[in-house]
Amino acid sequence: MAWSAAHRHSYARPTSIERALRAALEAAGVSALPEYIVGPYAIDLALPEQRIAIEADGDYWHGRPQQRAVDARKDAALTAVGWRVLRFKGSEIEANVDRCVAAVLTALAP
C-alpha cells in the first residue's frame, strides 16, 4: 500500500469510552495519541513509535455486521503496514478498564 509517511491527527471528538481508556492509560504511564491518522484510517488511540493501534468500540455500533466487516478491513490494512491492532468493547472498558490497560502493557512488553 502506498500510504503517505506523513501522519496527522483528525479532529474527531473522542467518545466517552475512548476518553476513559486514554485516561487509564495515562495513569499507567502510557501516552497514547487520540484520533491518529494512518493512510485512510483514524485510530482511536495510537502508540506510533510502537505501531500499536488501540480501538475502543461501542458495543452497539461495532456489533453490527456491516461495521464488523469495516473493522476487519481496517485491522487487515493496518496490520499489512506493520501495526498491531488491539480492540476493546465499550462494555469491556466500562466493566474493567484496568484489564484493558494490562493488555496494552502486555503488548508493549519486549
C-alpha atoms as a PDB file:
ATOM      1  CA  MET A   1       0.000   0.000   0.000  1.00  0.00           C
ATOM      2  CA  ALA A   2       1.300   3.398  -0.921  1.00  0.00           C
ATOM      3  CA  TRP A   3       0.251   5.441   2.077  1.00  0.00           C
ATOM      4  CA  SER A   4       1.936   8.682   2.868  1.00  0.00           C
ATOM      5  CA  ALA A   5       4.578   8.520   5.575  1.00  0.00           C
ATOM      6  CA  ALA A   6       3.211  11.781   6.973  1.00  0.00           C
ATOM      7  CA  HIS A   7       0.749  11.072   9.743  1.00  0.00           C
ATOM      8  CA  ARG A   8      -1.693  13.599  11.091  1.00  0.00           C
ATOM      9  CA  HIS A   9      -4.412  13.767  13.666  1.00  0.00           C
ATOM     10  CA  SER A  10      -8.092  14.076  12.840  1.00  0.00           C
ATOM     11  CA  TYR A  11     -10.303  16.461  14.708  1.00  0.00           C
ATOM     12  CA  ALA A  12     -12.997  13.936  15.595  1.00  0.00           C
ATOM     13  CA  ARG A  13     -14.427  14.243  19.086  1.00  0.00           C
ATOM     14  CA  PRO A  14     -13.376  11.280  21.250  1.00  0.00           C
ATOM     15  CA  THR A  15     -16.129   9.132  22.729  1.00  0.00           C
ATOM     16  CA  SER A  16     -16.572   8.617  26.461  1.00  0.00           C
ATOM     17  CA  ILE A  17     -15.031   5.136  26.260  1.00  0.00           C
ATOM     18  CA  GLU A  18     -12.031   6.490  24.345  1.00  0.00           C
ATOM     19  CA  ARG A  19     -11.578   9.212  26.961  1.00  0.00           C
ATOM     20  CA  ALA A  20     -11.857   6.672  29.810  1.00  0.00           C
ATOM     21  CA  LEU A  21      -9.333   4.318  28.218  1.00  0.00           C
ATOM     22  CA  ARG A  22      -6.920   7.144  27.411  1.00  0.00           C
ATOM     23  CA  ALA A  23      -7.107   8.467  30.987  1.00  0.00           C
ATOM     24  CA  ALA A  24      -6.460   4.990  32.402  1.00  0.00           C
ATOM     25  CA  LEU A  25      -3.508   4.516  30.042  1.00  0.00           C
ATOM     26  CA  GLU A  26      -2.064   7.883  31.049  1.00  0.00           C
ATOM     27  CA  ALA A  27      -2.470   6.948  34.737  1.00  0.00           C
ATOM     28  CA  ALA A  28      -0.389   3.850  33.931  1.00  0.00           C
ATOM     29  CA  GLY A  29       2.294   5.978  32.263  1.00  0.00           C
ATOM     30  CA  VAL A  30       1.281   5.291  28.651  1.00  0.00           C
ATOM     31  CA  SER A  31       0.763   8.361  26.482  1.00  0.00           C
ATOM     32  CA  ALA A  32      -1.498   7.485  23.542  1.00  0.00           C
ATOM     33  CA  LEU A  33      -2.312   9.897  20.739  1.00  0.00           C
ATOM     34  CA  PRO A  34      -6.039  10.240  20.024  1.00  0.00           C
ATOM     35  CA  GLU A  35      -7.558  10.026  16.545  1.00  0.00           C
ATOM     36  CA  TYR A  36      -4.248   9.280  14.873  1.00  0.00           C
ATOM     37  CA  ILE A  37      -4.392   9.038  11.090  1.00  0.00           C
ATOM     38  CA  VAL A  38      -2.607   6.286   9.181  1.00  0.00           C
ATOM     39  CA  GLY A  39      -3.422   6.271   5.489  1.00  0.00           C
ATOM     40  CA  PRO A  40      -7.191   6.473   5.153  1.00  0.00           C
ATOM     41  CA  TYR A  41      -7.826   5.340   8.736  1.00  0.00           C
ATOM     42  CA  ALA A  42      -8.272   7.169  12.031  1.00  0.00           C
ATOM     43  CA  ILE A  43      -7.049   5.127  15.000  1.00  0.00           C
ATOM     44  CA  ASP A  44      -8.895   5.855  18.253  1.00  0.00           C
ATOM     45  CA  LEU A  45      -5.682   5.803  20.325  1.00  0.00           C
ATOM     46  CA  ALA A  46      -2.247   5.220  18.850  1.00  0.00           C
ATOM     47  CA  LEU A  47       1.213   4.442  20.092  1.00  0.00           C
ATOM     48  CA  PRO A  48       3.003   5.340  16.851  1.00  0.00           C
ATOM     49  CA  GLU A  49       6.550   4.535  17.932  1.00  0.00           C
ATOM     50  CA  GLN A  50       5.480   1.005  18.826  1.00  0.00           C
ATOM     51  CA  ARG A  51       2.972   0.869  15.942  1.00  0.00           C
ATOM     52  CA  ILE A  52       0.125  -0.150  18.222  1.00  0.00           C
ATOM     53  CA  ALA A  53      -3.426   0.867  17.311  1.00  0.00           C
ATOM     54  CA  ILE A  54      -5.958   0.816  20.140  1.00  0.00           C
ATOM     55  CA  GLU A  55      -9.629   0.807  19.195  1.00  0.00           C
ATOM     56  CA  ALA A  56     -12.433   1.491  21.685  1.00  0.00           C
ATOM     57  CA  ASP A  57     -15.534   0.015  20.087  1.00  0.00           C
ATOM     58  CA  GLY A  58     -19.021   0.968  21.170  1.00  0.00           C
ATOM     59  CA  ASP A  59     -20.959  -2.267  21.615  1.00  0.00           C
ATOM     60  CA  TYR A  60     -23.975  -1.316  19.513  1.00  0.00           C
ATOM     61  CA  TRP A  61     -22.261   0.248  16.503  1.00  0.00           C
ATOM     62  CA  HIS A  62     -19.318  -2.139  16.292  1.00  0.00           C
ATOM     63  CA  GLY A  63     -21.581  -5.130  16.914  1.00  0.00           C
ATOM     64  CA  ARG A  64     -23.404  -4.556  13.631  1.00  0.00           C
ATOM     65  CA  PRO A  65     -22.387  -6.991  10.846  1.00  0.00           C
ATOM     66  CA  GLN A  66     -21.599  -4.191   8.391  1.00  0.00           C
ATOM     67  CA  GLN A  67     -19.360  -2.414  10.892  1.00  0.00           C
ATOM     68  CA  ARG A  68     -17.608  -5.646  11.867  1.00  0.00           C
ATOM     69  CA  ALA A  69     -16.681  -6.068   8.196  1.00  0.00           C
ATOM     70  CA  VAL A  70     -15.372  -2.477   8.026  1.00  0.00           C
ATOM     71  CA  ASP A  71     -13.372  -3.040  11.230  1.00  0.00           C
ATOM     72  CA  ALA A  72     -11.896  -6.281   9.842  1.00  0.00           C
ATOM     73  CA  ARG A  73     -10.746  -4.471   6.680  1.00  0.00           C
ATOM     74  CA  LYS A  74      -9.216  -1.681   8.771  1.00  0.00           C
ATOM     75  CA  ASP A  75      -7.409  -4.189  11.004  1.00  0.00           C
ATOM     76  CA  ALA A  76      -6.066  -6.074   7.969  1.00  0.00           C
ATOM     77  CA  ALA A  77      -4.879  -2.881   6.279  1.00  0.00           C
ATOM     78  CA  LEU A  78      -3.139  -1.592   9.413  1.00  0.00           C
ATOM     79  CA  THR A  79      -1.568  -4.991  10.058  1.00  0.00           C
ATOM     80  CA  ALA A  80      -0.305  -5.069   6.471  1.00  0.00           C
ATOM     81  CA  VAL A  81       1.670  -1.865   7.088  1.00  0.00           C
ATOM     82  CA  GLY A  82       3.162  -3.066  10.368  1.00  0.00           C
ATOM     83  CA  TRP A  83       0.649  -2.031  13.033  1.00  0.00           C
ATOM     84  CA  ARG A  84      -0.669  -4.254  15.802  1.00  0.00           C
ATOM     85  CA  VAL A  85      -4.371  -3.631  16.468  1.00  0.00           C
ATOM     86  CA  LEU A  86      -5.921  -4.030  19.922  1.00  0.00           C
ATOM     87  CA  ARG A  87      -9.719  -3.780  20.088  1.00  0.00           C
ATOM     88  CA  PHE A  88     -11.724  -3.318  23.273  1.00  0.00           C
ATOM     89  CA  LYS A  89     -15.523  -3.309  23.516  1.00  0.00           C
ATOM     90  CA  GLY A  90     -17.103  -0.389  25.285  1.00  0.00           C
ATOM     91  CA  SER A  91     -18.683  -2.725  27.841  1.00  0.00           C
ATOM     92  CA  GLU A  92     -15.234  -4.218  28.492  1.00  0.00           C
ATOM     93  CA  ILE A  93     -13.735  -0.763  29.069  1.00  0.00           C
ATOM     94  CA  GLU A  94     -16.604   0.233  31.342  1.00  0.00           C
ATOM     95  CA  ALA A  95     -16.534  -3.023  33.335  1.00  0.00           C
ATOM     96  CA  ASN A  96     -12.771  -3.261  33.845  1.00  0.00           C
ATOM     97  CA  VAL A  97     -10.616  -0.604  32.229  1.00  0.00           C
ATOM     98  CA  ASP A  98      -7.617  -1.904  34.206  1.00  0.00           C
ATOM     99  CA  ARG A  99      -7.808  -5.202  32.302  1.00  0.00           C
ATOM    100  CA  CYS A 100      -7.706  -3.257  29.037  1.00  0.00           C
ATOM    101  CA  VAL A 101      -4.691  -1.275  30.248  1.00  0.00           C
ATOM    102  CA  ALA A 102      -2.997  -4.535  31.267  1.00  0.00           C
ATOM    103  CA  ALA A 103      -3.496  -5.877  27.716  1.00  0.00           C
ATOM    104  CA  VAL A 104      -1.864  -2.749  26.286  1.00  0.00           C
ATOM    105  CA  LEU A 105       1.042  -3.032  28.744  1.00  0.00           C
ATOM    106  CA  THR A 106       1.483  -6.685  27.719  1.00  0.00           C
ATOM    107  CA  ALA A 107       1.605  -5.628  24.068  1.00  0.00           C
ATOM    108  CA  LEU A 108       4.291  -3.073  24.952  1.00  0.00           C
ATOM    109  CA  ALA A 109       6.448  -5.611  26.782  1.00  0.00           C
ATOM    110  CA  PRO A 110       9.517  -6.805  24.867  1.00  0.00           C
END
